Amino acid sequence: MKKSVFLSIVFFFCFSGIYSQEVPLEQWAHNHPEASTELGNWVKRHPGAAHRLFEWDSKHPFKSQELVNWAVAHPKERLGVFLQEHRDWQGIEIFTTRHADAMEEFLFWCRNHALAAKALMAHSGGLAWAGDHLYKEYWNMETPRKR
């Protein structure tokens, strides 16, 4: 009995350490190539929404983390439900007034690639980093390309 308890404790500490360590952002696309490609495709289709989302993440990283976590935890809910729950968040309404369809697609991406989305968002400003380092050619921080 003592041996099994001891082994359980050792197992817990060995493997919880592996999963609790953050993977560097520079490895995110390599570790999640399909999710990275699909997020890049989303940025290409919606450079204006991407610009807003990346900028918002750079200023409000904990809020964007909450949005992504909410999307994963509520797979059937639309963005409007989240906004009703977060009426006090200034500036988030831009995502429904100008970029509603793009944001619904982003939430779909979060849900389809939950592990990748959470891994990216485990880093404060992860979306902003991805925009600046992985998808910079598809949008411009100063003036996003319009389709």
C-alpha atoms as a PDB file:
ATOM      1  CA  MET A   1       0.000   0.000   0.000  1.00  0.00           C
ATOM      2  CA  LYS A   2       2.753   2.457   0.947  1.00  0.00           C
ATOM      3  CA  LYS A   3       4.605   1.572  -2.218  1.00  0.00           C
ATOM      4  CA  SER A   4       1.594   2.357  -4.444  1.00  0.00           C
ATOM      5  CA  VAL A   5       1.021   5.690  -2.675  1.00  0.00           C
ATOM      6  CA  PHE A   6       4.687   6.545  -3.090  1.00  0.00           C
ATOM      7  CA  LEU A   7       4.612   5.607  -6.791  1.00  0.00           C
ATOM      8  CA  SER A   8       1.465   7.675  -7.293  1.00  0.00           C
ATOM      9  CA  ILE A   9       3.134  10.702  -5.735  1.00  0.00           C
ATOM     10  CA  VAL A  10       6.277  10.239  -7.833  1.00  0.00           C
ATOM     11  CA  PHE A  11       4.180   9.777 -10.986  1.00  0.00           C
ATOM     12  CA  PHE A  12       2.170  12.905 -10.216  1.00  0.00           C
ATOM     13  CA  PHE A  13       5.218  15.115  -9.686  1.00  0.00           C
ATOM     14  CA  CYS A  14       7.094  13.743 -12.689  1.00  0.00           C
ATOM     15  CA  PHE A  15       4.295  14.158 -15.172  1.00  0.00           C
ATOM     16  CA  SER A  16       2.645  17.252 -13.739  1.00  0.00           C
ATOM     17  CA  GLY A  17       5.991  19.015 -14.135  1.00  0.00           C
ATOM     18  CA  ILE A  18       6.053  18.175 -17.821  1.00  0.00           C
ATOM     19  CA  TYR A  19       2.621  19.595 -18.474  1.00  0.00           C
ATOM     20  CA  SER A  20       2.840  22.596 -16.203  1.00  0.00           C
ATOM     21  CA  GLN A  21       5.906  24.043 -17.895  1.00  0.00           C
ATOM     22  CA  GLU A  22       5.098  26.530 -20.593  1.00  0.00           C
ATOM     23  CA  VAL A  23       6.477  25.811 -24.020  1.00  0.00           C
ATOM     24  CA  PRO A  24       8.255  28.875 -25.436  1.00  0.00           C
ATOM     25  CA  LEU A  25       6.173  30.873 -27.889  1.00  0.00           C
ATOM     26  CA  GLU A  26       8.834  30.362 -30.552  1.00  0.00           C
ATOM     27  CA  GLN A  27       7.916  26.652 -30.588  1.00  0.00           C
ATOM     28  CA  TRP A  28       4.135  27.106 -30.691  1.00  0.00           C
ATOM     29  CA  ALA A  29       3.727  26.905 -34.492  1.00  0.00           C
ATOM     30  CA  HIS A  30       6.089  23.925 -34.667  1.00  0.00           C
ATOM     31  CA  ASN A  31       4.153  22.102 -31.940  1.00  0.00           C
ATOM     32  CA  HIS A  32       0.748  22.968 -33.442  1.00  0.00           C
ATOM     33  CA  PRO A  33       1.302  23.180 -37.227  1.00  0.00           C
ATOM     34  CA  GLU A  34      -2.313  22.599 -38.286  1.00  0.00           C
ATOM     35  CA  ALA A  35      -3.656  25.150 -35.817  1.00  0.00           C
ATOM     36  CA  SER A  36      -0.965  27.624 -36.841  1.00  0.00           C
ATOM     37  CA  THR A  37      -1.802  27.233 -40.526  1.00  0.00           C
ATOM     38  CA  GLU A  38      -5.521  27.639 -39.909  1.00  0.00           C
ATOM     39  CA  LEU A  39      -4.984  30.712 -37.733  1.00  0.00           C
ATOM     40  CA  GLY A  40      -2.802  32.150 -40.499  1.00  0.00           C
ATOM     41  CA  ASN A  41      -5.574  31.490 -43.008  1.00  0.00           C
ATOM     42  CA  TRP A  42      -8.009  33.288 -40.714  1.00  0.00           C
ATOM     43  CA  VAL A  43      -5.652  36.272 -40.561  1.00  0.00           C
ATOM     44  CA  LYS A  44      -5.443  36.309 -44.392  1.00  0.00           C
ATOM     45  CA  ARG A  45      -9.233  36.271 -44.720  1.00  0.00           C
ATOM     46  CA  HIS A  46      -9.803  38.854 -41.977  1.00  0.00           C
ATOM     47  CA  PRO A  47      -6.811  41.207 -41.675  1.00  0.00           C
ATOM     48  CA  GLY A  48      -8.898  43.977 -40.094  1.00  0.00           C
ATOM     49  CA  ALA A  49     -10.318  41.696 -37.416  1.00  0.00           C
ATOM     50  CA  ALA A  50      -6.870  40.184 -36.859  1.00  0.00           C
ATOM     51  CA  HIS A  51      -5.441  43.676 -36.411  1.00  0.00           C
ATOM     52  CA  ARG A  52      -8.077  44.488 -33.793  1.00  0.00           C
ATOM     53  CA  LEU A  53      -7.692  41.162 -32.009  1.00  0.00           C
ATOM     54  CA  PHE A  54      -3.888  41.300 -31.901  1.00  0.00           C
ATOM     55  CA  GLU A  55      -3.981  44.897 -30.708  1.00  0.00           C
ATOM     56  CA  TRP A  56      -6.619  44.063 -28.081  1.00  0.00           C
ATOM     57  CA  ASP A  57      -4.548  41.112 -26.856  1.00  0.00           C
ATOM     58  CA  SER A  58      -1.475  43.312 -26.506  1.00  0.00           C
ATOM     59  CA  LYS A  59      -3.440  45.714 -24.284  1.00  0.00           C
ATOM     60  CA  HIS A  60      -5.722  43.217 -22.498  1.00  0.00           C
ATOM     61  CA  PRO A  61      -3.981  39.835 -22.418  1.00  0.00           C
ATOM     62  CA  PHE A  62      -5.979  38.468 -19.497  1.00  0.00           C
ATOM     63  CA  LYS A  63      -9.246  39.380 -21.168  1.00  0.00           C
ATOM     64  CA  SER A  64      -8.266  37.670 -24.411  1.00  0.00           C
ATOM     65  CA  GLN A  65      -7.218  34.610 -22.392  1.00  0.00           C
ATOM     66  CA  GLU A  66     -10.638  34.634 -20.791  1.00  0.00           C
ATOM     67  CA  LEU A  67     -12.324  34.888 -24.194  1.00  0.00           C
ATOM     68  CA  VAL A  68     -10.394  31.899 -25.570  1.00  0.00           C
ATOM     69  CA  ASN A  69     -11.005  29.820 -22.455  1.00  0.00           C
ATOM     70  CA  TRP A  70     -14.690  30.713 -22.582  1.00  0.00           C
ATOM     71  CA  ALA A  71     -14.906  29.693 -26.245  1.00  0.00           C
ATOM     72  CA  VAL A  72     -13.419  26.287 -25.461  1.00  0.00           C
ATOM     73  CA  ALA A  73     -15.634  25.768 -22.404  1.00  0.00           C
ATOM     74  CA  HIS A  74     -18.820  26.869 -24.239  1.00  0.00           C
ATOM     75  CA  PRO A  75     -18.619  25.150 -27.627  1.00  0.00           C
ATOM     76  CA  LYS A  76     -22.184  25.927 -28.700  1.00  0.00           C
ATOM     77  CA  GLU A  77     -22.393  29.558 -27.603  1.00  0.00           C
ATOM     78  CA  ARG A  78     -21.983  32.518 -29.897  1.00  0.00           C
ATOM     79  CA  LEU A  79     -19.917  35.615 -29.184  1.00  0.00           C
ATOM     80  CA  GLY A  80     -22.996  37.615 -28.180  1.00  0.00           C
ATOM     81  CA  VAL A  81     -23.447  35.446 -25.102  1.00  0.00           C
ATOM     82  CA  PHE A  82     -19.901  36.195 -23.995  1.00  0.00           C
ATOM     83  CA  LEU A  83     -20.426  39.912 -24.547  1.00  0.00           C
ATOM     84  CA  GLN A  84     -23.608  39.854 -22.456  1.00  0.00           C
ATOM     85  CA  GLU A  85     -21.581  38.334 -19.620  1.00  0.00           C
ATOM     86  CA  HIS A  86     -18.853  40.984 -20.025  1.00  0.00           C
ATOM     87  CA  ARG A  87     -20.786  44.205 -20.620  1.00  0.00           C
ATOM     88  CA  ASP A  88     -18.288  46.159 -18.543  1.00  0.00           C
ATOM     89  CA  TRP A  89     -15.412  45.462 -20.954  1.00  0.00           C
ATOM     90  CA  GLN A  90     -14.757  48.678 -22.843  1.00  0.00           C
ATOM     91  CA  GLY A  91     -13.968  48.382 -26.541  1.00  0.00           C
ATOM     92  CA  ILE A  92     -14.946  44.745 -27.023  1.00  0.00           C
ATOM     93  CA  GLU A  93     -18.130  45.683 -28.886  1.00  0.00           C
ATOM     94  CA  ILE A  94     -15.996  46.379 -31.988  1.00  0.00           C
ATOM     95  CA  PHE A  95     -15.819  42.622 -32.415  1.00  0.00           C
ATOM     96  CA  THR A  96     -19.561  42.392 -32.977  1.00  0.00           C
ATOM     97  CA  THR A  97     -20.233  45.682 -34.708  1.00  0.00           C
ATOM     98  CA  ARG A  98     -17.531  45.429 -37.391  1.00  0.00           C
ATOM     99  CA  HIS A  99     -16.046  41.946 -37.161  1.00  0.00           C
ATOM    100  CA  ALA A 100     -18.844  39.623 -36.025  1.00  0.00           C
ATOM    101  CA  ASP A 101     -18.392  36.938 -38.692  1.00  0.00           C
ATOM    102  CA  ALA A 102     -14.616  36.981 -38.349  1.00  0.00           C
ATOM    103  CA  MET A 103     -14.834  36.640 -34.580  1.00  0.00           C
ATOM    104  CA  GLU A 104     -17.269  33.732 -34.833  1.00  0.00           C
ATOM    105  CA  GLU A 105     -14.691  32.067 -37.094  1.00  0.00           C
ATOM    106  CA  PHE A 106     -11.986  32.804 -34.534  1.00  0.00           C
ATOM    107  CA  LEU A 107     -14.078  31.192 -31.777  1.00  0.00           C
ATOM    108  CA  PHE A 108     -14.566  28.190 -34.080  1.00  0.00           C
ATOM    109  CA  TRP A 109     -10.778  28.000 -34.489  1.00  0.00           C
ATOM    110  CA  CYS A 110     -10.340  28.112 -30.690  1.00  0.00           C
ATOM    111  CA  ARG A 111     -12.783  25.237 -30.272  1.00  0.00           C
ATOM    112  CA  ASN A 112     -11.340  23.120 -33.071  1.00  0.00           C
ATOM    113  CA  HIS A 113      -7.798  23.627 -31.796  1.00  0.00           C
ATOM    114  CA  ALA A 114      -8.436  23.896 -28.070  1.00  0.00           C
ATOM    115  CA  LEU A 115      -5.027  22.597 -26.980  1.00  0.00           C
ATOM    116  CA  ALA A 116      -3.191  24.877 -29.387  1.00  0.00           C
ATOM    117  CA  ALA A 117      -5.351  27.874 -28.490  1.00  0.00           C
ATOM    118  CA  LYS A 118      -4.779  27.327 -24.777  1.00  0.00           C
ATOM    119  CA  ALA A 119      -1.047  26.786 -25.339  1.00  0.00           C
ATOM    120  CA  LEU A 120      -0.837  30.094 -27.211  1.00  0.00           C
ATOM    121  CA  MET A 121      -2.878  31.901 -24.601  1.00  0.00           C
ATOM    122  CA  ALA A 122      -0.815  30.463 -21.753  1.00  0.00           C
ATOM    123  CA  HIS A 123       1.543  33.291 -22.658  1.00  0.00           C
ATOM    124  CA  SER A 124       0.432  36.802 -21.848  1.00  0.00           C
ATOM    125  CA  GLY A 125       0.035  38.549 -25.201  1.00  0.00           C
ATOM    126  CA  GLY A 126       0.388  35.283 -27.136  1.00  0.00           C
ATOM    127  CA  LEU A 127      -1.972  36.375 -29.906  1.00  0.00           C
ATOM    128  CA  ALA A 128      -0.179  39.689 -30.298  1.00  0.00           C
ATOM    129  CA  TRP A 129       3.120  37.818 -30.495  1.00  0.00           C
ATOM    130  CA  ALA A 130       1.743  35.456 -33.143  1.00  0.00           C
ATOM    131  CA  GLY A 131       0.503  38.413 -35.145  1.00  0.00           C
ATOM    132  CA  ASP A 132       3.882  40.120 -35.017  1.00  0.00           C
ATOM    133  CA  HIS A 133       6.023  37.035 -35.606  1.00  0.00           C
ATOM    134  CA  LEU A 134       4.014  34.452 -37.529  1.00  0.00           C
ATOM    135  CA  TYR A 135       1.446  36.373 -39.560  1.00  0.00           C
ATOM    136  CA  LYS A 136       2.970  39.821 -39.960  1.00  0.00           C
ATOM    137  CA  GLU A 137       2.995  39.603 -43.758  1.00  0.00           C
ATOM    138  CA  TYR A 138      -0.809  39.268 -43.849  1.00  0.00           C
ATOM    139  CA  TRP A 139      -1.661  42.393 -41.913  1.00  0.00           C
ATOM    140  CA  ASN A 140      -0.019  45.606 -40.814  1.00  0.00           C
ATOM    141  CA  MET A 141      -0.181  47.110 -37.347  1.00  0.00           C
ATOM    142  CA  GLU A 142      -0.381  50.616 -38.786  1.00  0.00           C
ATOM    143  CA  THR A 143      -2.919  50.034 -41.565  1.00  0.00           C
ATOM    144  CA  PRO A 144      -4.410  46.572 -41.911  1.00  0.00           C
ATOM    145  CA  ARG A 145      -4.964  45.403 -45.472  1.00  0.00           C
ATOM    146  CA  LYS A 146      -8.571  45.419 -46.580  1.00  0.00           C
ATOM    147  CA  ARG A 147     -10.180  42.977 -48.954  1.00  0.00           C
END
